[in-house]
Amino acid sequence: MKKKNFYTNQLQIKKSLRTKIYEFLKDEIKKEGIKKKSDEELSNIFNSEFNTKVSRKTIAKYREELNIPSSINRK
């Protein structure tokens, strides 16, 4: 496999994962009740649903990109 193809494939995987995380965050935060989920809880749920390893920091980064406040600031 050529280097260019390898990096292109890695970029596509990264973009698809980012899209999954964005959709996941939007859906999970809409479904929240009174108890708001922390980034750690969202990370654990994402990892179990999609069978991947995404850190709390990654979830926080994408949550901030979507202009969604932290669990403490969500009402």
PDB file of N, CA and C in Angstrom:
ATOM      1  N   MET A   1       0.847  -1.179   0.000  1.00  0.00           N
ATOM      2  CA  MET A   1       0.000   0.000   0.000  1.00  0.00           C
ATOM      3  C   MET A   1       0.892   1.242   0.000  1.00  0.00           C
ATOM      4  N   LYS A   2       0.583   2.187  -0.843  1.00  0.00           N
ATOM      5  CA  LYS A   2       1.359   3.415  -0.911  1.00  0.00           C
ATOM      6  C   LYS A   2       1.065   4.298   0.290  1.00  0.00           C
ATOM      7  N   LYS A   3       2.036   5.145   0.612  1.00  0.00           N
ATOM      8  CA  LYS A   3       1.874   6.046   1.754  1.00  0.00           C
ATOM      9  C   LYS A   3       0.674   6.963   1.583  1.00  0.00           C
ATOM     10  N   LYS A   4       0.491   7.488   0.377  1.00  0.00           N
ATOM     11  CA  LYS A   4      -0.601   8.420   0.124  1.00  0.00           C
ATOM     12  C   LYS A   4      -1.947   7.748   0.393  1.00  0.00           C
ATOM     13  N   ASN A   5      -2.120   6.526  -0.078  1.00  0.00           N
ATOM     14  CA  ASN A   5      -3.365   5.804   0.139  1.00  0.00           C
ATOM     15  C   ASN A   5      -3.576   5.509   1.622  1.00  0.00           C
ATOM     16  N   PHE A   6      -2.505   5.178   2.301  1.00  0.00           N
ATOM     17  CA  PHE A   6      -2.599   4.895   3.727  1.00  0.00           C
ATOM     18  C   PHE A   6      -3.097   6.110   4.490  1.00  0.00           C
ATOM     19  N   TYR A   7      -2.504   7.266   4.229  1.00  0.00           N
ATOM     20  CA  TYR A   7      -2.908   8.483   4.933  1.00  0.00           C
ATOM     21  C   TYR A   7      -4.314   8.912   4.539  1.00  0.00           C
ATOM     22  N   THR A   8      -4.694   8.723   3.307  1.00  0.00           N
ATOM     23  CA  THR A   8      -6.050   9.044   2.865  1.00  0.00           C
ATOM     24  C   THR A   8      -7.059   8.163   3.592  1.00  0.00           C
ATOM     25  N   ASN A   9      -6.759   6.882   3.718  1.00  0.00           N
ATOM     26  CA  ASN A   9      -7.648   5.975   4.434  1.00  0.00           C
ATOM     27  C   ASN A   9      -7.750   6.348   5.903  1.00  0.00           C
ATOM     28  N   GLN A  10      -6.627   6.691   6.526  1.00  0.00           N
ATOM     29  CA  GLN A  10      -6.639   7.085   7.933  1.00  0.00           C
ATOM     30  C   GLN A  10      -7.465   8.351   8.138  1.00  0.00           C
ATOM     31  N   LEU A  11      -7.362   9.286   7.194  1.00  0.00           N
ATOM     32  CA  LEU A  11      -8.127  10.527   7.281  1.00  0.00           C
ATOM     33  C   LEU A  11      -9.624  10.246   7.161  1.00  0.00           C
ATOM     34  N   GLN A  12     -10.006   9.346   6.269  1.00  0.00           N
ATOM     35  CA  GLN A  12     -11.415   8.990   6.115  1.00  0.00           C
ATOM     36  C   GLN A  12     -11.947   8.314   7.376  1.00  0.00           C
ATOM     37  N   ILE A  13     -11.157   7.456   7.997  1.00  0.00           N
ATOM     38  CA  ILE A  13     -11.558   6.801   9.239  1.00  0.00           C
ATOM     39  C   ILE A  13     -11.751   7.847  10.331  1.00  0.00           C
ATOM     40  N   LYS A  14     -10.821   8.799  10.406  1.00  0.00           N
ATOM     41  CA  LYS A  14     -10.906   9.844  11.421  1.00  0.00           C
ATOM     42  C   LYS A  14     -12.158  10.702  11.223  1.00  0.00           C
ATOM     43  N   LYS A  15     -12.470  11.038   9.964  1.00  0.00           N
ATOM     44  CA  LYS A  15     -13.653  11.847   9.679  1.00  0.00           C
ATOM     45  C   LYS A  15     -14.931  11.090  10.019  1.00  0.00           C
ATOM     46  N   SER A  16     -14.970   9.816   9.720  1.00  0.00           N
ATOM     47  CA  SER A  16     -16.177   9.052  10.017  1.00  0.00           C
ATOM     48  C   SER A  16     -16.354   8.896  11.526  1.00  0.00           C
ATOM     49  N   LEU A  17     -15.268   8.744  12.263  1.00  0.00           N
ATOM     50  CA  LEU A  17     -15.348   8.654  13.718  1.00  0.00           C
ATOM     51  C   LEU A  17     -15.818   9.986  14.295  1.00  0.00           C
ATOM     52  N   ARG A  18     -15.307  11.075  13.766  1.00  0.00           N
ATOM     53  CA  ARG A  18     -15.725  12.401  14.224  1.00  0.00           C
ATOM     54  C   ARG A  18     -17.226  12.586  14.004  1.00  0.00           C
ATOM     55  N   THR A  19     -17.708  12.174  12.848  1.00  0.00           N
ATOM     56  CA  THR A  19     -19.136  12.285  12.550  1.00  0.00           C
ATOM     57  C   THR A  19     -19.957  11.442  13.522  1.00  0.00           C
ATOM     58  N   LYS A  20     -19.493  10.233  13.814  1.00  0.00           N
ATOM     59  CA  LYS A  20     -20.179   9.378  14.791  1.00  0.00           C
ATOM     60  C   LYS A  20     -20.239  10.035  16.156  1.00  0.00           C
ATOM     61  N   ILE A  21     -19.133  10.635  16.567  1.00  0.00           N
ATOM     62  CA  ILE A  21     -19.087  11.280  17.879  1.00  0.00           C
ATOM     63  C   ILE A  21     -20.037  12.469  17.914  1.00  0.00           C
ATOM     64  N   TYR A  22     -20.031  13.288  16.854  1.00  0.00           N
ATOM     65  CA  TYR A  22     -20.937  14.435  16.798  1.00  0.00           C
ATOM     66  C   TYR A  22     -22.396  13.984  16.926  1.00  0.00           C
ATOM     67  N   GLU A  23     -22.778  12.993  16.131  1.00  0.00           N
ATOM     68  CA  GLU A  23     -24.159  12.506  16.166  1.00  0.00           C
ATOM     69  C   GLU A  23     -24.493  11.908  17.529  1.00  0.00           C
ATOM     70  N   PHE A  24     -23.562  11.146  18.073  1.00  0.00           N
ATOM     71  CA  PHE A  24     -23.762  10.536  19.386  1.00  0.00           C
ATOM     72  C   PHE A  24     -23.996  11.608  20.452  1.00  0.00           C
ATOM     73  N   LEU A  25     -23.144  12.635  20.468  1.00  0.00           N
ATOM     74  CA  LEU A  25     -23.268  13.681  21.477  1.00  0.00           C
ATOM     75  C   LEU A  25     -24.598  14.412  21.363  1.00  0.00           C
ATOM     76  N   LYS A  26     -24.977  14.758  20.145  1.00  0.00           N
ATOM     77  CA  LYS A  26     -26.254  15.455  19.951  1.00  0.00           C
ATOM     78  C   LYS A  26     -27.413  14.612  20.460  1.00  0.00           C
ATOM     79  N   ASP A  27     -27.426  13.329  20.119  1.00  0.00           N
ATOM     80  CA  ASP A  27     -28.519  12.441  20.528  1.00  0.00           C
ATOM     81  C   ASP A  27     -28.532  12.220  22.035  1.00  0.00           C
ATOM     82  N   GLU A  28     -27.383  11.926  22.623  1.00  0.00           N
ATOM     83  CA  GLU A  28     -27.317  11.639  24.058  1.00  0.00           C
ATOM     84  C   GLU A  28     -27.713  12.850  24.897  1.00  0.00           C
ATOM     85  N   ILE A  29     -27.289  14.018  24.472  1.00  0.00           N
ATOM     86  CA  ILE A  29     -27.590  15.217  25.255  1.00  0.00           C
ATOM     87  C   ILE A  29     -29.064  15.589  25.113  1.00  0.00           C
ATOM     88  N   LYS A  30     -29.665  15.306  23.953  1.00  0.00           N
ATOM     89  CA  LYS A  30     -31.109  15.523  23.799  1.00  0.00           C
ATOM     90  C   LYS A  30     -31.895  14.590  24.707  1.00  0.00           C
ATOM     91  N   LYS A  31     -31.401  13.358  24.895  1.00  0.00           N
ATOM     92  CA  LYS A  31     -32.107  12.353  25.690  1.00  0.00           C
ATOM     93  C   LYS A  31     -31.919  12.537  27.191  1.00  0.00           C
ATOM     94  N   GLU A  32     -31.008  13.414  27.600  1.00  0.00           N
ATOM     95  CA  GLU A  32     -30.731  13.583  29.020  1.00  0.00           C
ATOM     96  C   GLU A  32     -31.964  14.064  29.769  1.00  0.00           C
ATOM     97  N   GLY A  33     -32.114  13.558  30.954  1.00  0.00           N
ATOM     98  CA  GLY A  33     -33.180  14.013  31.828  1.00  0.00           C
ATOM     99  C   GLY A  33     -32.639  15.058  32.788  1.00  0.00           C
ATOM    100  N   ILE A  34     -33.023  14.930  34.036  1.00  0.00           N
ATOM    101  CA  ILE A  34     -32.558  15.863  35.061  1.00  0.00           C
ATOM    102  C   ILE A  34     -31.075  15.656  35.338  1.00  0.00           C
ATOM    103  N   LYS A  35     -30.635  14.403  35.399  1.00  0.00           N
ATOM    104  CA  LYS A  35     -29.228  14.079  35.658  1.00  0.00           C
ATOM    105  C   LYS A  35     -28.443  14.223  34.356  1.00  0.00           C
ATOM    106  N   LYS A  36     -27.566  15.190  34.325  1.00  0.00           N
ATOM    107  CA  LYS A  36     -26.737  15.429  33.139  1.00  0.00           C
ATOM    108  C   LYS A  36     -25.525  14.514  33.171  1.00  0.00           C
ATOM    109  N   LYS A  37     -25.137  14.010  32.005  1.00  0.00           N
ATOM    110  CA  LYS A  37     -24.010  13.082  31.912  1.00  0.00           C
ATOM    111  C   LYS A  37     -22.703  13.851  31.760  1.00  0.00           C
ATOM    112  N   SER A  38     -21.693  13.409  32.491  1.00  0.00           N
ATOM    113  CA  SER A  38     -20.359  14.008  32.389  1.00  0.00           C
ATOM    114  C   SER A  38     -19.677  13.498  31.124  1.00  0.00           C
ATOM    115  N   ASP A  39     -18.564  14.130  30.785  1.00  0.00           N
ATOM    116  CA  ASP A  39     -17.790  13.684  29.626  1.00  0.00           C
ATOM    117  C   ASP A  39     -17.306  12.248  29.817  1.00  0.00           C
ATOM    118  N   GLU A  40     -16.950  11.898  31.045  1.00  0.00           N
ATOM    119  CA  GLU A  40     -16.494  10.535  31.345  1.00  0.00           C
ATOM    120  C   GLU A  40     -17.619   9.525  31.092  1.00  0.00           C
ATOM    121  N   GLU A  41     -18.823   9.853  31.550  1.00  0.00           N
ATOM    122  CA  GLU A  41     -19.972   8.965  31.327  1.00  0.00           C
ATOM    123  C   GLU A  41     -20.289   8.840  29.844  1.00  0.00           C
ATOM    124  N   LEU A  42     -20.245   9.970  29.129  1.00  0.00           N
ATOM    125  CA  LEU A  42     -20.501   9.942  27.681  1.00  0.00           C
ATOM    126  C   LEU A  42     -19.450   9.105  26.965  1.00  0.00           C
ATOM    127  N   SER A  43     -18.211   9.228  27.392  1.00  0.00           N
ATOM    128  CA  SER A  43     -17.132   8.439  26.803  1.00  0.00           C
ATOM    129  C   SER A  43     -17.360   6.945  27.021  1.00  0.00           C
ATOM    130  N   ASN A  44     -17.737   6.565  28.227  1.00  0.00           N
ATOM    131  CA  ASN A  44     -17.993   5.152  28.530  1.00  0.00           C
ATOM    132  C   ASN A  44     -19.159   4.607  27.709  1.00  0.00           C
ATOM    133  N   ILE A  45     -20.210   5.390  27.584  1.00  0.00           N
ATOM    134  CA  ILE A  45     -21.377   4.959  26.790  1.00  0.00           C
ATOM    135  C   ILE A  45     -20.978   4.806  25.324  1.00  0.00           C
ATOM    136  N   PHE A  46     -20.244   5.795  24.788  1.00  0.00           N
ATOM    137  CA  PHE A  46     -19.811   5.733  23.383  1.00  0.00           C
ATOM    138  C   PHE A  46     -18.951   4.501  23.143  1.00  0.00           C
ATOM    139  N   ASN A  47     -17.999   4.261  24.036  1.00  0.00           N
ATOM    140  CA  ASN A  47     -17.094   3.125  23.877  1.00  0.00           C
ATOM    141  C   ASN A  47     -17.832   1.797  23.906  1.00  0.00           C
ATOM    142  N   SER A  48     -18.846   1.684  24.751  1.00  0.00           N
ATOM    143  CA  SER A  48     -19.588   0.424  24.812  1.00  0.00           C
ATOM    144  C   SER A  48     -20.519   0.253  23.608  1.00  0.00           C
ATOM    145  N   GLU A  49     -21.120   1.344  23.140  1.00  0.00           N
ATOM    146  CA  GLU A  49     -22.035   1.250  21.993  1.00  0.00           C
ATOM    147  C   GLU A  49     -21.298   0.964  20.691  1.00  0.00           C
ATOM    148  N   PHE A  50     -20.163   1.606  20.485  1.00  0.00           N
ATOM    149  CA  PHE A  50     -19.457   1.498  19.208  1.00  0.00           C
ATOM    150  C   PHE A  50     -18.227   0.594  19.279  1.00  0.00           C
ATOM    151  N   ASN A  51     -17.973   0.018  20.438  1.00  0.00           N
ATOM    152  CA  ASN A  51     -16.860  -0.911  20.615  1.00  0.00           C
ATOM    153  C   ASN A  51     -15.525  -0.299  20.164  1.00  0.00           C
ATOM    154  N   THR A  52     -15.309   0.945  20.586  1.00  0.00           N
ATOM    155  CA  THR A  52     -14.057   1.643  20.291  1.00  0.00           C
ATOM    156  C   THR A  52     -13.527   2.258  21.570  1.00  0.00           C
ATOM    157  N   LYS A  53     -12.376   2.891  21.494  1.00  0.00           N
ATOM    158  CA  LYS A  53     -11.783   3.551  22.656  1.00  0.00           C
ATOM    159  C   LYS A  53     -11.637   5.030  22.336  1.00  0.00           C
ATOM    160  N   VAL A  54     -12.521   5.845  22.930  1.00  0.00           N
ATOM    161  CA  VAL A  54     -12.455   7.290  22.786  1.00  0.00           C
ATOM    162  C   VAL A  54     -12.325   7.871  24.186  1.00  0.00           C
ATOM    163  N   SER A  55     -11.364   8.742  24.373  1.00  0.00           N
ATOM    164  CA  SER A  55     -11.097   9.272  25.710  1.00  0.00           C
ATOM    165  C   SER A  55     -12.091  10.359  26.103  1.00  0.00           C
ATOM    166  N   ARG A  56     -12.093  10.664  27.377  1.00  0.00           N
ATOM    167  CA  ARG A  56     -12.938  11.732  27.905  1.00  0.00           C
ATOM    168  C   ARG A  56     -12.548  13.065  27.277  1.00  0.00           C
ATOM    169  N   LYS A  57     -11.252  13.285  27.085  1.00  0.00           N
ATOM    170  CA  LYS A  57     -10.773  14.535  26.497  1.00  0.00           C
ATOM    171  C   LYS A  57     -11.275  14.711  25.065  1.00  0.00           C
ATOM    172  N   THR A  58     -11.339  13.624  24.317  1.00  0.00           N
ATOM    173  CA  THR A  58     -11.847  13.681  22.945  1.00  0.00           C
ATOM    174  C   THR A  58     -13.317  14.061  22.949  1.00  0.00           C
ATOM    175  N   ILE A  59     -14.087  13.442  23.848  1.00  0.00           N
ATOM    176  CA  ILE A  59     -15.504  13.770  23.967  1.00  0.00           C
ATOM    177  C   ILE A  59     -15.664  15.247  24.333  1.00  0.00           C
ATOM    178  N   ALA A  60     -14.866  15.725  25.273  1.00  0.00           N
ATOM    179  CA  ALA A  60     -14.934  17.128  25.692  1.00  0.00           C
ATOM    180  C   ALA A  60     -14.593  18.061  24.527  1.00  0.00           C
ATOM    181  N   LYS A  61     -13.593  17.702  23.763  1.00  0.00           N
ATOM    182  CA  LYS A  61     -13.176  18.518  22.618  1.00  0.00           C
ATOM    183  C   LYS A  61     -14.304  18.648  21.599  1.00  0.00           C
ATOM    184  N   TYR A  62     -14.924  17.538  21.234  1.00  0.00           N
ATOM    185  CA  TYR A  62     -16.005  17.576  20.250  1.00  0.00           C
ATOM    186  C   TYR A  62     -17.263  18.221  20.823  1.00  0.00           C
ATOM    187  N   ARG A  63     -17.516  18.055  22.111  1.00  0.00           N
ATOM    188  CA  ARG A  63     -18.657  18.702  22.758  1.00  0.00           C
ATOM    189  C   ARG A  63     -18.486  20.213  22.680  1.00  0.00           C
ATOM    190  N   GLU A  64     -17.275  20.689  22.941  1.00  0.00           N
ATOM    191  CA  GLU A  64     -17.005  22.126  22.862  1.00  0.00           C
ATOM    192  C   GLU A  64     -17.119  22.641  21.431  1.00  0.00           C
ATOM    193  N   GLU A  65     -16.683  21.841  20.448  1.00  0.00           N
ATOM    194  CA  GLU A  65     -16.818  22.231  19.044  1.00  0.00           C
ATOM    195  C   GLU A  65     -18.283  22.401  18.646  1.00  0.00           C
ATOM    196  N   LEU A  66     -19.154  21.634  19.285  1.00  0.00           N
ATOM    197  CA  LEU A  66     -20.588  21.728  19.015  1.00  0.00           C
ATOM    198  C   LEU A  66     -21.266  22.810  19.861  1.00  0.00           C
ATOM    199  N   ASN A  67     -20.460  23.546  20.634  1.00  0.00           N
ATOM    200  CA  ASN A  67     -20.963  24.598  21.521  1.00  0.00           C
ATOM    201  C   ASN A  67     -21.972  24.071  22.539  1.00  0.00           C
ATOM    202  N   ILE A  68     -21.704  22.872  23.052  1.00  0.00           N
ATOM    203  CA  ILE A  68     -22.530  22.275  24.095  1.00  0.00           C
ATOM    204  C   ILE A  68     -21.792  22.484  25.412  1.00  0.00           C
ATOM    205  N   PRO A  69     -22.428  23.111  26.383  1.00  0.00           N
ATOM    206  CA  PRO A  69     -21.750  23.353  27.668  1.00  0.00           C
ATOM    207  C   PRO A  69     -21.485  22.053  28.436  1.00  0.00           C
ATOM    208  N   SER A  70     -20.626  22.147  29.432  1.00  0.00           N
ATOM    209  CA  SER A  70     -20.317  20.974  30.262  1.00  0.00           C
ATOM    210  C   SER A  70     -21.552  20.565  31.062  1.00  0.00           C
ATOM    211  N   SER A  71     -21.499  19.386  31.673  1.00  0.00           N
ATOM    212  CA  SER A  71     -22.655  18.866  32.415  1.00  0.00           C
ATOM    213  C   SER A  71     -23.055  19.804  33.556  1.00  0.00           C
ATOM    214  N   ILE A  72     -22.107  20.464  34.143  1.00  0.00           N
ATOM    215  CA  ILE A  72     -22.400  21.392  35.242  1.00  0.00           C
ATOM    216  C   ILE A  72     -23.176  22.602  34.738  1.00  0.00           C
ATOM    217  N   ASN A  73     -22.872  23.045  33.521  1.00  0.00           N
ATOM    218  CA  ASN A  73     -23.500  24.247  32.975  1.00  0.00           C
ATOM    219  C   ASN A  73     -24.743  23.996  32.130  1.00  0.00           C
ATOM    220  N   ARG A  74     -25.052  22.728  31.850  1.00  0.00           N
ATOM    221  CA  ARG A  74     -26.273  22.432  31.109  1.00  0.00           C
ATOM    222  C   ARG A  74     -27.462  22.462  32.049  1.00  0.00           C
ATOM    223  N   LYS A  75     -28.559  23.019  31.593  1.00  0.00           N
ATOM    224  CA  LYS A  75     -29.755  23.081  32.440  1.00  0.00           C
ATOM    225  C   LYS A  75     -30.914  22.429  31.761  1.00  0.00           C
TER     226      LYS A  75
END
